[in-house]
Amino acid sequence: MDVDQLDTASMDISSVDFQQANDENVPVHQRFINALDHLDNRVEKLRKEAMTLTEKRDVLLMSMDILKHNELLSSLNEFELDEVNCYAQRISNRLGTIEISVKTVRDCAQEDSLHQVNSLIDSLLTISDRVLARQRCQTFLNACCVHDDSTNISEVEPVVDKKFETAVLGCTLDDQKTIKKRLQALMAYLNKQTVTE
């Protein structure tokens, strides 16, 4: 954090102190409520920023996984493969030093559902046929969008993976949003791979 950021942080702290402290028309209780409202808004903003950073880190992790399972690795000789693996491991190690934590409160059933969803998505990365992987990813994405009011209603019923849909519906709303974004990123990658093959 540089000096300007520190100055901004200290100004923010002082602005939380009763903004209407000298206004005798505002009851003390209301001053506390106003200060807490202000802090609550800032906490929510910070949480969203942290979640965005977490999503960016997850995309990088997924990219590393996809790279490690790329079928073109089998065409490399032993020296080239070793060089690529060492480089990938260095990046993975650096990525592992980044810890961003935004806790989502989950019960046991929601934890199980999230674990099941992650296992199913991870299984996509092991499918060597990119067209098949893309089709399966689309059925997962369709499962996320079936209950989404923002999606366009089409006359053709999309193909949905029912097992995945059940698992997603068992997750928290925050997790459902993250899962959908993760699948959209994976789908974009798989579409690109399918076109270039």
C-alpha atoms as a PDB file:
ATOM      1  CA  MET A   1       0.000   0.000   0.000  1.00  0.00           C
ATOM      2  CA  ASP A   2       1.530   3.321  -1.026  1.00  0.00           C
ATOM      3  CA  VAL A   3       1.362   6.649   0.836  1.00  0.00           C
ATOM      4  CA  ASP A   4      -1.657   7.904  -1.153  1.00  0.00           C
ATOM      5  CA  GLN A   5      -3.604   4.746  -0.331  1.00  0.00           C
ATOM      6  CA  LEU A   6      -2.703   5.085   3.354  1.00  0.00           C
ATOM      7  CA  ASP A   7      -3.879   8.697   3.340  1.00  0.00           C
ATOM      8  CA  THR A   8      -7.142   7.647   1.676  1.00  0.00           C
ATOM      9  CA  ALA A   9      -7.604   4.873   4.252  1.00  0.00           C
ATOM     10  CA  SER A  10      -7.115   7.253   7.160  1.00  0.00           C
ATOM     11  CA  MET A  11      -9.532   9.770   5.602  1.00  0.00           C
ATOM     12  CA  ASP A  12     -12.064   6.967   5.223  1.00  0.00           C
ATOM     13  CA  ILE A  13     -11.658   6.061   8.896  1.00  0.00           C
ATOM     14  CA  SER A  14     -12.238   9.628  10.023  1.00  0.00           C
ATOM     15  CA  SER A  15     -15.290   9.947   7.771  1.00  0.00           C
ATOM     16  CA  VAL A  16     -16.920   7.010   9.562  1.00  0.00           C
ATOM     17  CA  ASP A  17     -16.866   8.920  12.847  1.00  0.00           C
ATOM     18  CA  PHE A  18     -20.231  10.531  13.247  1.00  0.00           C
ATOM     19  CA  GLN A  19     -20.690  12.576  10.101  1.00  0.00           C
ATOM     20  CA  GLN A  20     -23.566  14.365  11.766  1.00  0.00           C
ATOM     21  CA  ALA A  21     -21.853  14.605  15.178  1.00  0.00           C
ATOM     22  CA  ASN A  22     -22.572  18.302  15.554  1.00  0.00           C
ATOM     23  CA  ASP A  23     -26.125  18.046  14.304  1.00  0.00           C
ATOM     24  CA  GLU A  24     -28.201  18.020  17.475  1.00  0.00           C
ATOM     25  CA  ASN A  25     -31.352  17.375  15.434  1.00  0.00           C
ATOM     26  CA  VAL A  26     -30.155  13.820  14.681  1.00  0.00           C
ATOM     27  CA  PRO A  27     -30.535  11.474  17.672  1.00  0.00           C
ATOM     28  CA  VAL A  28     -27.387   9.657  18.843  1.00  0.00           C
ATOM     29  CA  HIS A  29     -28.950   6.290  18.036  1.00  0.00           C
ATOM     30  CA  GLN A  30     -29.572   7.408  14.450  1.00  0.00           C
ATOM     31  CA  ARG A  31     -25.963   8.611  14.145  1.00  0.00           C
ATOM     32  CA  PHE A  32     -24.798   5.111  15.053  1.00  0.00           C
ATOM     33  CA  ILE A  33     -27.201   3.567  12.556  1.00  0.00           C
ATOM     34  CA  ASN A  34     -26.005   5.937   9.817  1.00  0.00           C
ATOM     35  CA  ALA A  35     -22.344   5.142  10.581  1.00  0.00           C
ATOM     36  CA  LEU A  36     -23.099   1.402  10.534  1.00  0.00           C
ATOM     37  CA  ASP A  37     -24.983   1.727   7.227  1.00  0.00           C
ATOM     38  CA  HIS A  38     -21.942   3.470   5.778  1.00  0.00           C
ATOM     39  CA  LEU A  39     -19.635   0.690   7.026  1.00  0.00           C
ATOM     40  CA  ASP A  40     -22.005  -2.028   5.810  1.00  0.00           C
ATOM     41  CA  ASN A  41     -21.929  -0.584   2.282  1.00  0.00           C
ATOM     42  CA  ARG A  42     -18.133  -0.497   2.337  1.00  0.00           C
ATOM     43  CA  VAL A  43     -17.917  -4.081   3.595  1.00  0.00           C
ATOM     44  CA  GLU A  44     -20.212  -5.255   0.784  1.00  0.00           C
ATOM     45  CA  LYS A  45     -18.095  -3.389  -1.778  1.00  0.00           C
ATOM     46  CA  LEU A  46     -14.910  -4.948  -0.386  1.00  0.00           C
ATOM     47  CA  ARG A  47     -16.528  -8.392  -0.481  1.00  0.00           C
ATOM     48  CA  LYS A  48     -17.462  -7.967  -4.138  1.00  0.00           C
ATOM     49  CA  GLU A  49     -13.925  -6.814  -5.001  1.00  0.00           C
ATOM     50  CA  ALA A  50     -12.446  -9.820  -3.188  1.00  0.00           C
ATOM     51  CA  MET A  51     -14.853 -12.171  -4.988  1.00  0.00           C
ATOM     52  CA  THR A  52     -13.801 -10.683  -8.330  1.00  0.00           C
ATOM     53  CA  LEU A  53     -10.145 -11.305  -7.465  1.00  0.00           C
ATOM     54  CA  THR A  54     -11.004 -14.854  -6.390  1.00  0.00           C
ATOM     55  CA  GLU A  55     -12.716 -15.471  -9.738  1.00  0.00           C
ATOM     56  CA  LYS A  56      -9.654 -14.161 -11.595  1.00  0.00           C
ATOM     57  CA  ARG A  57      -7.407 -16.470  -9.585  1.00  0.00           C
ATOM     58  CA  ASP A  58      -9.748 -19.413 -10.263  1.00  0.00           C
ATOM     59  CA  VAL A  59      -9.611 -18.727 -14.004  1.00  0.00           C
ATOM     60  CA  LEU A  60      -5.811 -18.839 -13.813  1.00  0.00           C
ATOM     61  CA  LEU A  61      -5.961 -22.120 -11.866  1.00  0.00           C
ATOM     62  CA  MET A  62      -8.322 -23.581 -14.452  1.00  0.00           C
ATOM     63  CA  SER A  63      -6.040 -22.418 -17.267  1.00  0.00           C
ATOM     64  CA  MET A  64      -3.126 -24.225 -15.614  1.00  0.00           C
ATOM     65  CA  ASP A  65      -5.210 -27.411 -15.303  1.00  0.00           C
ATOM     66  CA  ILE A  66      -6.254 -27.233 -18.947  1.00  0.00           C
ATOM     67  CA  LEU A  67      -2.641 -26.711 -20.009  1.00  0.00           C
ATOM     68  CA  LYS A  68      -1.464 -29.705 -17.961  1.00  0.00           C
ATOM     69  CA  HIS A  69      -4.051 -31.954 -19.665  1.00  0.00           C
ATOM     70  CA  ASN A  70      -3.439 -30.689 -23.213  1.00  0.00           C
ATOM     71  CA  GLU A  71      -3.023 -33.600 -25.606  1.00  0.00           C
ATOM     72  CA  LEU A  72      -0.245 -31.781 -27.506  1.00  0.00           C
ATOM     73  CA  LEU A  73       2.060 -32.433 -24.534  1.00  0.00           C
ATOM     74  CA  SER A  74       2.386 -36.028 -25.761  1.00  0.00           C
ATOM     75  CA  SER A  75       4.078 -34.759 -28.949  1.00  0.00           C
ATOM     76  CA  LEU A  76       6.980 -33.201 -26.999  1.00  0.00           C
ATOM     77  CA  ASN A  77      10.264 -34.978 -26.492  1.00  0.00           C
ATOM     78  CA  GLU A  78      11.456 -35.733 -22.948  1.00  0.00           C
ATOM     79  CA  PHE A  79      13.606 -32.583 -22.666  1.00  0.00           C
ATOM     80  CA  GLU A  80      10.831 -30.277 -23.970  1.00  0.00           C
ATOM     81  CA  LEU A  81       8.226 -31.907 -21.719  1.00  0.00           C
ATOM     82  CA  ASP A  82      10.464 -31.513 -18.695  1.00  0.00           C
ATOM     83  CA  GLU A  83      11.038 -27.828 -19.521  1.00  0.00           C
ATOM     84  CA  VAL A  84       7.301 -27.162 -19.963  1.00  0.00           C
ATOM     85  CA  ASN A  85       6.431 -29.054 -16.751  1.00  0.00           C
ATOM     86  CA  CYS A  86       9.067 -27.181 -14.717  1.00  0.00           C
ATOM     87  CA  TYR A  87       7.849 -23.826 -16.020  1.00  0.00           C
ATOM     88  CA  ALA A  88       4.209 -24.757 -15.348  1.00  0.00           C
ATOM     89  CA  GLN A  89       5.132 -25.889 -11.827  1.00  0.00           C
ATOM     90  CA  ARG A  90       6.872 -22.550 -11.112  1.00  0.00           C
ATOM     91  CA  ILE A  91       3.755 -20.667 -12.191  1.00  0.00           C
ATOM     92  CA  SER A  92       1.523 -22.992 -10.149  1.00  0.00           C
ATOM     93  CA  ASN A  93       3.736 -22.442  -7.096  1.00  0.00           C
ATOM     94  CA  ARG A  94       3.521 -18.645  -7.487  1.00  0.00           C
ATOM     95  CA  LEU A  95      -0.231 -18.864  -7.984  1.00  0.00           C
ATOM     96  CA  GLY A  96      -0.405 -20.946  -4.814  1.00  0.00           C
ATOM     97  CA  THR A  97       1.058 -18.042  -2.834  1.00  0.00           C
ATOM     98  CA  ILE A  98      -2.038 -15.941  -3.567  1.00  0.00           C
ATOM     99  CA  GLU A  99      -4.668 -16.412  -0.915  1.00  0.00           C
ATOM    100  CA  ILE A 100      -7.938 -14.544  -1.186  1.00  0.00           C
ATOM    101  CA  SER A 101     -10.689 -15.676   1.095  1.00  0.00           C
ATOM    102  CA  VAL A 102     -14.322 -14.697   0.977  1.00  0.00           C
ATOM    103  CA  LYS A 103     -16.226 -17.126   3.146  1.00  0.00           C
ATOM    104  CA  THR A 104     -19.633 -18.289   2.095  1.00  0.00           C
ATOM    105  CA  VAL A 105     -21.675 -19.777   4.910  1.00  0.00           C
ATOM    106  CA  ARG A 106     -22.765 -23.283   3.871  1.00  0.00           C
ATOM    107  CA  ASP A 107     -24.462 -26.155   5.656  1.00  0.00           C
ATOM    108  CA  CYS A 108     -23.252 -29.761   5.201  1.00  0.00           C
ATOM    109  CA  ALA A 109     -25.609 -30.447   2.291  1.00  0.00           C
ATOM    110  CA  GLN A 110     -24.404 -27.315   0.467  1.00  0.00           C
ATOM    111  CA  GLU A 111     -20.767 -28.323   1.062  1.00  0.00           C
ATOM    112  CA  ASP A 112     -21.500 -31.761  -0.443  1.00  0.00           C
ATOM    113  CA  SER A 113     -23.273 -30.219  -3.433  1.00  0.00           C
ATOM    114  CA  LEU A 114     -20.378 -27.832  -4.104  1.00  0.00           C
ATOM    115  CA  HIS A 115     -17.874 -30.700  -3.877  1.00  0.00           C
ATOM    116  CA  GLN A 116     -19.957 -32.715  -6.354  1.00  0.00           C
ATOM    117  CA  VAL A 117     -20.205 -29.761  -8.764  1.00  0.00           C
ATOM    118  CA  ASN A 118     -16.438 -29.148  -8.625  1.00  0.00           C
ATOM    119  CA  SER A 119     -15.724 -32.845  -9.260  1.00  0.00           C
ATOM    120  CA  LEU A 120     -18.035 -32.850 -12.291  1.00  0.00           C
ATOM    121  CA  ILE A 121     -16.429 -29.699 -13.726  1.00  0.00           C
ATOM    122  CA  ASP A 122     -12.924 -31.089 -13.094  1.00  0.00           C
ATOM    123  CA  SER A 123     -13.934 -34.234 -15.012  1.00  0.00           C
ATOM    124  CA  LEU A 124     -14.433 -32.069 -18.128  1.00  0.00           C
ATOM    125  CA  LEU A 125     -10.723 -31.275 -18.142  1.00  0.00           C
ATOM    126  CA  THR A 126      -9.821 -34.952 -18.522  1.00  0.00           C
ATOM    127  CA  ILE A 127     -11.934 -35.480 -21.670  1.00  0.00           C
ATOM    128  CA  SER A 128      -9.506 -35.652 -24.582  1.00  0.00           C
ATOM    129  CA  ASP A 129     -12.207 -35.150 -27.248  1.00  0.00           C
ATOM    130  CA  ARG A 130     -12.686 -31.358 -27.192  1.00  0.00           C
ATOM    131  CA  VAL A 131     -16.019 -31.494 -29.072  1.00  0.00           C
ATOM    132  CA  LEU A 132     -17.415 -33.943 -26.515  1.00  0.00           C
ATOM    133  CA  ALA A 133     -16.010 -31.836 -23.647  1.00  0.00           C
ATOM    134  CA  ARG A 134     -17.650 -28.735 -25.134  1.00  0.00           C
ATOM    135  CA  GLN A 135     -21.010 -30.500 -25.500  1.00  0.00           C
ATOM    136  CA  ARG A 136     -20.889 -31.760 -21.908  1.00  0.00           C
ATOM    137  CA  CYS A 137     -19.838 -28.313 -20.644  1.00  0.00           C
ATOM    138  CA  GLN A 138     -22.835 -26.824 -22.498  1.00  0.00           C
ATOM    139  CA  THR A 139     -25.216 -29.216 -20.698  1.00  0.00           C
ATOM    140  CA  PHE A 140     -23.680 -28.070 -17.385  1.00  0.00           C
ATOM    141  CA  LEU A 141     -24.060 -24.426 -18.384  1.00  0.00           C
ATOM    142  CA  ASN A 142     -27.665 -25.068 -19.465  1.00  0.00           C
ATOM    143  CA  ALA A 143     -28.319 -26.517 -15.999  1.00  0.00           C
ATOM    144  CA  CYS A 144     -27.143 -23.231 -14.473  1.00  0.00           C
ATOM    145  CA  CYS A 145     -29.344 -21.161 -16.789  1.00  0.00           C
ATOM    146  CA  VAL A 146     -32.603 -23.146 -16.539  1.00  0.00           C
ATOM    147  CA  HIS A 147     -33.669 -21.258 -13.406  1.00  0.00           C
ATOM    148  CA  ASP A 148     -32.082 -17.963 -14.445  1.00  0.00           C
ATOM    149  CA  ASP A 149     -34.730 -15.345 -15.288  1.00  0.00           C
ATOM    150  CA  SER A 150     -32.188 -13.270 -17.267  1.00  0.00           C
ATOM    151  CA  THR A 151     -31.748 -15.911 -19.979  1.00  0.00           C
ATOM    152  CA  ASN A 152     -33.744 -15.701 -23.171  1.00  0.00           C
ATOM    153  CA  ILE A 153     -36.654 -18.091 -23.416  1.00  0.00           C
ATOM    154  CA  SER A 154     -36.329 -20.138 -26.594  1.00  0.00           C
ATOM    155  CA  GLU A 155     -38.763 -22.583 -28.162  1.00  0.00           C
ATOM    156  CA  VAL A 156     -36.153 -25.351 -28.119  1.00  0.00           C
ATOM    157  CA  GLU A 157     -35.675 -26.939 -24.709  1.00  0.00           C
ATOM    158  CA  PRO A 158     -31.913 -26.931 -23.927  1.00  0.00           C
ATOM    159  CA  VAL A 159     -30.230 -30.223 -23.073  1.00  0.00           C
ATOM    160  CA  VAL A 160     -29.494 -30.237 -19.352  1.00  0.00           C
ATOM    161  CA  ASP A 161     -27.305 -32.573 -17.309  1.00  0.00           C
ATOM    162  CA  LYS A 162     -29.812 -33.506 -14.569  1.00  0.00           C
ATOM    163  CA  LYS A 163     -27.176 -34.773 -12.134  1.00  0.00           C
ATOM    164  CA  PHE A 164     -25.284 -31.497 -12.445  1.00  0.00           C
ATOM    165  CA  GLU A 165     -28.501 -29.454 -12.177  1.00  0.00           C
ATOM    166  CA  THR A 166     -29.442 -31.210  -8.914  1.00  0.00           C
ATOM    167  CA  ALA A 167     -25.970 -30.557  -7.495  1.00  0.00           C
ATOM    168  CA  VAL A 168     -26.018 -26.877  -8.534  1.00  0.00           C
ATOM    169  CA  LEU A 169     -29.447 -26.311  -7.009  1.00  0.00           C
ATOM    170  CA  GLY A 170     -28.084 -27.659  -3.733  1.00  0.00           C
ATOM    171  CA  CYS A 171     -25.414 -24.916  -3.653  1.00  0.00           C
ATOM    172  CA  THR A 172     -25.697 -21.418  -2.186  1.00  0.00           C
ATOM    173  CA  LEU A 173     -26.672 -18.537  -4.503  1.00  0.00           C
ATOM    174  CA  ASP A 174     -23.123 -17.112  -4.303  1.00  0.00           C
ATOM    175  CA  ASP A 175     -21.712 -20.501  -5.300  1.00  0.00           C
ATOM    176  CA  GLN A 176     -24.204 -20.823  -8.164  1.00  0.00           C
ATOM    177  CA  LYS A 177     -23.025 -17.490  -9.599  1.00  0.00           C
ATOM    178  CA  THR A 178     -19.372 -18.523  -9.290  1.00  0.00           C
ATOM    179  CA  ILE A 179     -20.042 -21.919 -10.894  1.00  0.00           C
ATOM    180  CA  LYS A 180     -21.802 -20.277 -13.832  1.00  0.00           C
ATOM    181  CA  LYS A 181     -18.903 -17.859 -14.399  1.00  0.00           C
ATOM    182  CA  ARG A 182     -16.398 -20.709 -14.155  1.00  0.00           C
ATOM    183  CA  LEU A 183     -18.324 -22.722 -16.754  1.00  0.00           C
ATOM    184  CA  GLN A 184     -18.617 -19.703 -19.073  1.00  0.00           C
ATOM    185  CA  ALA A 185     -14.835 -19.248 -18.949  1.00  0.00           C
ATOM    186  CA  LEU A 186     -14.276 -22.947 -19.597  1.00  0.00           C
ATOM    187  CA  MET A 187     -16.793 -22.909 -22.461  1.00  0.00           C
ATOM    188  CA  ALA A 188     -15.033 -19.950 -24.095  1.00  0.00           C
ATOM    189  CA  TYR A 189     -11.756 -21.858 -23.895  1.00  0.00           C
ATOM    190  CA  LEU A 190     -13.258 -25.082 -25.285  1.00  0.00           C
ATOM    191  CA  ASN A 191     -14.948 -23.195 -28.140  1.00  0.00           C
ATOM    192  CA  LYS A 192     -11.619 -21.659 -29.059  1.00  0.00           C
ATOM    193  CA  GLN A 193      -9.902 -25.065 -28.915  1.00  0.00           C
ATOM    194  CA  THR A 194     -12.595 -26.690 -31.053  1.00  0.00           C
ATOM    195  CA  VAL A 195     -12.296 -23.990 -33.739  1.00  0.00           C
ATOM    196  CA  THR A 196      -8.493 -24.146 -33.909  1.00  0.00           C
ATOM    197  CA  GLU A 197      -8.335 -27.961 -34.195  1.00  0.00           C
END
